[in-house]
Every structure is written in C-alpha cells, then in structure tokens.
Amino acid sequence: MIFGLLLVCLGGCALWDVRTGRIPNLWLAFWLCVIGIGKVFCGGESGGQKAEAFLAYFGAMFFAAAILFPLFIFRMMGAGDIKLMAVLCGALGIQDGFPAIFYGLAAAAAWSFLYMVRMRILKKRILYFLNFIRRLLWAEYEGSYYLAERDGKEASFCLAPFLLGGFVLWLAEKGGV
C-alpha cells in the first residue's frame, strides 16, 4: 500500500515540477499525512509499536531533511525537492530511502552531464562549481550557487521526475514488492 501511495505522490510531484517548476507545499503536506497515517495505522502494529512507527516515520523524515538542508541553503536544490526526499525517506526508512534517492540523483547527474555536453556548457559549469567550492572553503562565500537571473534557465532542471525514476528503479531492484 505504501509503495502505491508513494508512486502517486511522486508522480504528482513530477507533474507539478515539470509544469510549474515548483512542488506545492499543500500537495506535500497532504502526502506526508496520508503516508504517515498509512505507516502508523495500517501497518498492523499494536499500541506501543504504533508509537515506534510514528517516531520512525518522522525521525527518518527529519534526519533526511537535516542532511539535505545545506543543499537548499546554498541554492543547489529546491526546498520542494528536499521535502519530497524527506517524505520518501520517512515512508521507506533511512536504509531504503537513501538508495532510492541515490538512484534518482544518479540519473539526474547523468542527464545533466549529457545536457551540458549537448549545450556546450560543461566546461563553464565545472569551472563555476570549482570556483564556488574554492570560495566556500576560503570563507569568501558571497551568495547562492544558483541564481536564475545570473545563471539563466539552462543551469536548472526539475528533480522530481528523477526522484520518481529513482524510486521505480529501487522498487524494481526489490522485485517490485
């Protein structure tokens, strides 16, 4: 049941992200509640185990959000993407959530590489990234990694479809449970 809910949640997020470039907070809050209720009340646990399921769900979500939050601070990833990954980790747990996210990020990295080669901006973006890291390490940090007005539309893309793909790959690896 949880996997089906996640497919609908991720599919909706992917559609929103492609159409508008954003994932609505209301959509994510709805699925956070629905998946949380499914995990806690429909998981077959009794009394004390429901409390443990609740803590595990929200604990995994908060852990994932805390780990990924610096990517939002530096504007390397959107807040909706981080919240979506937190919901994914909450639903699957840390042990299965991070591999699903990894598959999605690996697919996004491969697509980004091919896109940058095709658009002939690979060298420019690699030099920009290395310069950003250098400024960060030498405490010369002066702003976000990505700014739409500075970098243009070519330097950003929708991550939610890749997270959906990563979840589907993870599900296939598990035998389509």
C-alpha atoms as a PDB file:
ATOM      1  CA  MET A   1       0.000   0.000   0.000  1.00  0.00           C
ATOM      2  CA  ILE A   2       2.773   2.458   0.909  1.00  0.00           C
ATOM      3  CA  PHE A   3       4.538   1.876  -2.412  1.00  0.00           C
ATOM      4  CA  GLY A   4       1.354   2.702  -4.323  1.00  0.00           C
ATOM      5  CA  LEU A   5       0.871   5.865  -2.281  1.00  0.00           C
ATOM      6  CA  LEU A   6       4.477   6.852  -2.956  1.00  0.00           C
ATOM      7  CA  LEU A   7       4.020   6.302  -6.697  1.00  0.00           C
ATOM      8  CA  VAL A   8       1.007   8.629  -6.737  1.00  0.00           C
ATOM      9  CA  CYS A   9       2.793  11.204  -4.559  1.00  0.00           C
ATOM     10  CA  LEU A  10       5.986  11.157  -6.622  1.00  0.00           C
ATOM     11  CA  GLY A  11       4.069  11.117  -9.897  1.00  0.00           C
ATOM     12  CA  GLY A  12       2.081  14.182  -8.860  1.00  0.00           C
ATOM     13  CA  CYS A  13       5.233  15.943  -7.709  1.00  0.00           C
ATOM     14  CA  ALA A  14       6.911  15.166 -11.025  1.00  0.00           C
ATOM     15  CA  LEU A  15       3.960  16.605 -12.958  1.00  0.00           C
ATOM     16  CA  TRP A  16       3.849  19.752 -10.807  1.00  0.00           C
ATOM     17  CA  ASP A  17       7.616  20.196 -11.110  1.00  0.00           C
ATOM     18  CA  VAL A  18       7.623  19.826 -14.895  1.00  0.00           C
ATOM     19  CA  ARG A  19       4.596  22.085 -15.404  1.00  0.00           C
ATOM     20  CA  THR A  20       5.381  24.869 -12.936  1.00  0.00           C
ATOM     21  CA  GLY A  21       8.955  24.335 -11.738  1.00  0.00           C
ATOM     22  CA  ARG A  22       7.664  24.041  -8.164  1.00  0.00           C
ATOM     23  CA  ILE A  23       6.164  21.396  -5.894  1.00  0.00           C
ATOM     24  CA  PRO A  24       3.259  22.819  -3.856  1.00  0.00           C
ATOM     25  CA  ASN A  25       3.589  22.615  -0.085  1.00  0.00           C
ATOM     26  CA  LEU A  26      -0.071  21.646   0.234  1.00  0.00           C
ATOM     27  CA  TRP A  27       0.488  18.620  -2.026  1.00  0.00           C
ATOM     28  CA  LEU A  28       3.493  17.509   0.017  1.00  0.00           C
ATOM     29  CA  ALA A  29       1.693  18.114   3.333  1.00  0.00           C
ATOM     30  CA  PHE A  30      -1.245  16.026   2.143  1.00  0.00           C
ATOM     31  CA  TRP A  31       1.002  13.095   1.226  1.00  0.00           C
ATOM     32  CA  LEU A  32       3.064  13.490   4.376  1.00  0.00           C
ATOM     33  CA  CYS A  33      -0.151  12.957   6.366  1.00  0.00           C
ATOM     34  CA  VAL A  34      -1.588  10.185   4.178  1.00  0.00           C
ATOM     35  CA  ILE A  35       1.649   8.173   4.090  1.00  0.00           C
ATOM     36  CA  GLY A  36       2.223   8.800   7.793  1.00  0.00           C
ATOM     37  CA  ILE A  37      -1.267   7.550   8.629  1.00  0.00           C
ATOM     38  CA  GLY A  38      -0.703   4.555   6.382  1.00  0.00           C
ATOM     39  CA  LYS A  39       2.605   3.743   8.047  1.00  0.00           C
ATOM     40  CA  VAL A  40       1.328   4.159  11.601  1.00  0.00           C
ATOM     41  CA  PHE A  41      -2.257   2.898  11.498  1.00  0.00           C
ATOM     42  CA  CYS A  42      -2.333   0.450   8.604  1.00  0.00           C
ATOM     43  CA  GLY A  43       0.971  -1.253   9.272  1.00  0.00           C
ATOM     44  CA  GLY A  44      -0.536  -3.881  11.560  1.00  0.00           C
ATOM     45  CA  GLU A  45       1.269  -2.605  14.646  1.00  0.00           C
ATOM     46  CA  SER A  46      -0.362  -2.525  18.049  1.00  0.00           C
ATOM     47  CA  GLY A  47      -0.267   0.134  20.796  1.00  0.00           C
ATOM     48  CA  GLY A  48       3.402   0.705  21.601  1.00  0.00           C
ATOM     49  CA  GLN A  49       4.521  -0.316  18.146  1.00  0.00           C
ATOM     50  CA  LYS A  50       2.373   2.444  16.613  1.00  0.00           C
ATOM     51  CA  ALA A  51       4.289   4.999  18.650  1.00  0.00           C
ATOM     52  CA  GLU A  52       7.548   3.476  17.405  1.00  0.00           C
ATOM     53  CA  ALA A  53       6.269   3.568  13.804  1.00  0.00           C
ATOM     54  CA  PHE A  54       5.289   7.226  14.252  1.00  0.00           C
ATOM     55  CA  LEU A  55       8.716   8.120  15.652  1.00  0.00           C
ATOM     56  CA  ALA A  56      10.499   6.131  12.938  1.00  0.00           C
ATOM     57  CA  TYR A  57       8.499   7.850  10.185  1.00  0.00           C
ATOM     58  CA  PHE A  58       9.035  11.393  11.402  1.00  0.00           C
ATOM     59  CA  GLY A  59      12.563  10.660  12.635  1.00  0.00           C
ATOM     60  CA  ALA A  60      13.612   9.447   9.177  1.00  0.00           C
ATOM     61  CA  MET A  61      11.971  12.481   7.587  1.00  0.00           C
ATOM     62  CA  PHE A  62      13.700  14.963   9.865  1.00  0.00           C
ATOM     63  CA  PHE A  63      17.050  13.183   9.541  1.00  0.00           C
ATOM     64  CA  ALA A  64      16.862  13.282   5.732  1.00  0.00           C
ATOM     65  CA  ALA A  65      15.790  16.931   5.738  1.00  0.00           C
ATOM     66  CA  ALA A  66      18.629  17.857   8.108  1.00  0.00           C
ATOM     67  CA  ILE A  67      21.225  16.060   5.974  1.00  0.00           C
ATOM     68  CA  LEU A  68      19.951  17.679   2.758  1.00  0.00           C
ATOM     69  CA  PHE A  69      19.257  21.162   4.168  1.00  0.00           C
ATOM     70  CA  PRO A  70      22.706  22.594   3.313  1.00  0.00           C
ATOM     71  CA  LEU A  71      21.933  21.956  -0.363  1.00  0.00           C
ATOM     72  CA  PHE A  72      18.960  24.294  -0.001  1.00  0.00           C
ATOM     73  CA  ILE A  73      20.961  26.903   1.923  1.00  0.00           C
ATOM     74  CA  PHE A  74      23.449  27.138  -0.954  1.00  0.00           C
ATOM     75  CA  ARG A  75      20.604  27.043  -3.534  1.00  0.00           C
ATOM     76  CA  MET A  76      21.867  23.838  -5.075  1.00  0.00           C
ATOM     77  CA  MET A  77      18.467  22.194  -4.633  1.00  0.00           C
ATOM     78  CA  GLY A  78      14.928  23.457  -4.127  1.00  0.00           C
ATOM     79  CA  ALA A  79      13.016  23.222  -0.865  1.00  0.00           C
ATOM     80  CA  GLY A  80      10.281  21.137  -2.510  1.00  0.00           C
ATOM     81  CA  ASP A  81      12.847  18.584  -3.664  1.00  0.00           C
ATOM     82  CA  ILE A  82      14.251  18.284  -0.154  1.00  0.00           C
ATOM     83  CA  LYS A  83      10.794  17.922   1.372  1.00  0.00           C
ATOM     84  CA  LEU A  84       9.941  15.279  -1.220  1.00  0.00           C
ATOM     85  CA  MET A  85      13.108  13.345  -0.372  1.00  0.00           C
ATOM     86  CA  ALA A  86      12.256  13.626   3.323  1.00  0.00           C
ATOM     87  CA  VAL A  87       8.803  12.117   2.694  1.00  0.00           C
ATOM     88  CA  LEU A  88      10.439   9.347   0.659  1.00  0.00           C
ATOM     89  CA  CYS A  89      12.862   8.580   3.498  1.00  0.00           C
ATOM     90  CA  GLY A  90      10.058   8.691   6.035  1.00  0.00           C
ATOM     91  CA  ALA A  91       7.991   6.216   4.050  1.00  0.00           C
ATOM     92  CA  LEU A  92      10.821   3.820   3.207  1.00  0.00           C
ATOM     93  CA  GLY A  93      13.068   4.404   6.205  1.00  0.00           C
ATOM     94  CA  ILE A  94      16.628   5.633   6.004  1.00  0.00           C
ATOM     95  CA  GLN A  95      18.041   2.273   4.921  1.00  0.00           C
ATOM     96  CA  ASP A  96      15.831   2.085   1.812  1.00  0.00           C
ATOM     97  CA  GLY A  97      15.080   5.772   1.311  1.00  0.00           C
ATOM     98  CA  PHE A  98      18.626   6.899   0.647  1.00  0.00           C
ATOM     99  CA  PRO A  99      19.287   4.248  -2.038  1.00  0.00           C
ATOM    100  CA  ALA A 100      16.060   5.290  -3.807  1.00  0.00           C
ATOM    101  CA  ILE A 101      17.181   8.928  -3.634  1.00  0.00           C
ATOM    102  CA  PHE A 102      20.672   7.951  -4.799  1.00  0.00           C
ATOM    103  CA  TYR A 103      19.250   6.234  -7.902  1.00  0.00           C
ATOM    104  CA  GLY A 104      17.263   9.358  -8.721  1.00  0.00           C
ATOM    105  CA  LEU A 105      20.221  11.672  -8.180  1.00  0.00           C
ATOM    106  CA  ALA A 106      22.488   9.398 -10.248  1.00  0.00           C
ATOM    107  CA  ALA A 107      20.010   9.522 -13.129  1.00  0.00           C
ATOM    108  CA  ALA A 108      19.769  13.311 -12.744  1.00  0.00           C
ATOM    109  CA  ALA A 109      23.567  13.605 -12.775  1.00  0.00           C
ATOM    110  CA  ALA A 110      23.830  11.511 -15.940  1.00  0.00           C
ATOM    111  CA  TRP A 111      21.113  13.551 -17.626  1.00  0.00           C
ATOM    112  CA  SER A 112      22.762  16.809 -16.516  1.00  0.00           C
ATOM    113  CA  PHE A 113      26.123  15.697 -17.875  1.00  0.00           C
ATOM    114  CA  LEU A 114      24.625  14.830 -21.261  1.00  0.00           C
ATOM    115  CA  TYR A 115      22.645  18.078 -21.303  1.00  0.00           C
ATOM    116  CA  MET A 116      25.722  20.195 -20.522  1.00  0.00           C
ATOM    117  CA  VAL A 117      27.734  18.428 -23.216  1.00  0.00           C
ATOM    118  CA  ARG A 118      24.931  18.942 -25.735  1.00  0.00           C
ATOM    119  CA  MET A 119      24.535  22.630 -24.813  1.00  0.00           C
ATOM    120  CA  ARG A 120      28.330  23.097 -24.765  1.00  0.00           C
ATOM    121  CA  ILE A 121      28.327  24.479 -21.220  1.00  0.00           C
ATOM    122  CA  LEU A 122      30.087  21.613 -19.424  1.00  0.00           C
ATOM    123  CA  LYS A 123      33.430  23.391 -19.031  1.00  0.00           C
ATOM    124  CA  LYS A 124      31.734  26.618 -17.916  1.00  0.00           C
ATOM    125  CA  ARG A 125      29.622  24.835 -15.270  1.00  0.00           C
ATOM    126  CA  ILE A 126      32.541  22.732 -13.962  1.00  0.00           C
ATOM    127  CA  LEU A 127      34.722  25.830 -13.605  1.00  0.00           C
ATOM    128  CA  TYR A 128      31.867  27.668 -11.901  1.00  0.00           C
ATOM    129  CA  PHE A 129      31.358  24.755  -9.472  1.00  0.00           C
ATOM    130  CA  LEU A 130      35.068  24.520  -8.649  1.00  0.00           C
ATOM    131  CA  ASN A 131      35.239  28.278  -8.116  1.00  0.00           C
ATOM    132  CA  PHE A 132      32.170  28.093  -5.861  1.00  0.00           C
ATOM    133  CA  ILE A 133      33.809  25.355  -3.763  1.00  0.00           C
ATOM    134  CA  ARG A 134      37.050  27.359  -3.586  1.00  0.00           C
ATOM    135  CA  ARG A 135      35.184  30.462  -2.372  1.00  0.00           C
ATOM    136  CA  LEU A 136      33.281  28.361   0.135  1.00  0.00           C
ATOM    137  CA  LEU A 137      36.432  26.779   1.566  1.00  0.00           C
ATOM    138  CA  TRP A 138      38.274  30.096   1.788  1.00  0.00           C
ATOM    139  CA  ALA A 139      35.285  31.729   3.528  1.00  0.00           C
ATOM    140  CA  GLU A 140      34.684  34.062   0.609  1.00  0.00           C
ATOM    141  CA  TYR A 141      31.133  32.786   0.232  1.00  0.00           C
ATOM    142  CA  GLU A 142      29.127  35.555  -1.338  1.00  0.00           C
ATOM    143  CA  GLY A 143      25.785  34.028  -2.224  1.00  0.00           C
ATOM    144  CA  SER A 144      23.886  31.186  -3.765  1.00  0.00           C
ATOM    145  CA  TYR A 145      25.257  28.571  -6.100  1.00  0.00           C
ATOM    146  CA  TYR A 146      22.348  29.138  -8.465  1.00  0.00           C
ATOM    147  CA  LEU A 147      20.603  32.415  -9.216  1.00  0.00           C
ATOM    148  CA  ALA A 148      18.112  32.411 -12.094  1.00  0.00           C
ATOM    149  CA  GLU A 149      18.924  35.955 -13.199  1.00  0.00           C
ATOM    150  CA  ARG A 150      22.662  35.236 -13.263  1.00  0.00           C
ATOM    151  CA  ASP A 151      22.767  31.636 -14.497  1.00  0.00           C
ATOM    152  CA  GLY A 152      19.696  31.509 -16.738  1.00  0.00           C
ATOM    153  CA  LYS A 153      17.254  28.672 -17.251  1.00  0.00           C
ATOM    154  CA  GLU A 154      19.942  26.430 -18.751  1.00  0.00           C
ATOM    155  CA  ALA A 155      21.520  25.839 -15.334  1.00  0.00           C
ATOM    156  CA  SER A 156      18.446  24.382 -13.625  1.00  0.00           C
ATOM    157  CA  PHE A 157      16.063  21.488 -14.138  1.00  0.00           C
ATOM    158  CA  CYS A 158      13.238  19.592 -12.471  1.00  0.00           C
ATOM    159  CA  LEU A 159      14.452  16.969  -9.993  1.00  0.00           C
ATOM    160  CA  ALA A 160      11.121  15.350  -9.024  1.00  0.00           C
ATOM    161  CA  PRO A 161      10.828  13.238 -12.215  1.00  0.00           C
ATOM    162  CA  PHE A 162      14.264  11.795 -11.478  1.00  0.00           C
ATOM    163  CA  LEU A 163      13.255  11.027  -7.893  1.00  0.00           C
ATOM    164  CA  LEU A 164      10.223   9.206  -9.264  1.00  0.00           C
ATOM    165  CA  GLY A 165      12.538   7.267 -11.586  1.00  0.00           C
ATOM    166  CA  GLY A 166      14.900   6.510  -8.702  1.00  0.00           C
ATOM    167  CA  PHE A 167      12.013   5.141  -6.647  1.00  0.00           C
ATOM    168  CA  VAL A 168      10.847   2.994  -9.581  1.00  0.00           C
ATOM    169  CA  LEU A 169      14.401   1.657 -10.035  1.00  0.00           C
ATOM    170  CA  TRP A 170      14.627   0.921  -6.296  1.00  0.00           C
ATOM    171  CA  LEU A 171      11.250  -0.819  -6.464  1.00  0.00           C
ATOM    172  CA  ALA A 172      12.398  -2.895  -9.449  1.00  0.00           C
ATOM    173  CA  GLU A 173      15.582  -3.837  -7.615  1.00  0.00           C
ATOM    174  CA  LYS A 174      13.457  -5.063  -4.708  1.00  0.00           C
ATOM    175  CA  GLY A 175      11.457  -7.235  -7.098  1.00  0.00           C
ATOM    176  CA  GLY A 176       8.513  -4.870  -7.492  1.00  0.00           C
ATOM    177  CA  VAL A 177       7.306  -5.681  -3.989  1.00  0.00           C
END
